[in-house]
Amino acid sequence: MGLVIPMRPTHCTSCGTALMESPITYEVIVNEELFQIEDVPALVCRDCGEQWIDDEVRENLEKLVAESAGPEPHVQ
């Protein structure tokens, strides 16, 4: 079986408008503390603002936040 590479979306799943590449600020609350990471590469809907982050980028963000938050963070 070969390597399966997921396709990046080209249109918003909410409204159907074309997505554009645009850096975003990723925000998450962990243990009642707000973490903000700027300039995260993402696809953003031009109309409704829906955001899509690549799986690999999301995994790296989650690791970074978990390391910064300390032991066993509770992500909301």
Foldseek 3Di string as FASTA:
>chain_A
DDDDDDDDDQADPVPGAGWDWDWDWDWWAWPNDIDTDTRQIWTAGPPPGDIGHDPVSVVVVVVVVCVVVDPDIDTD
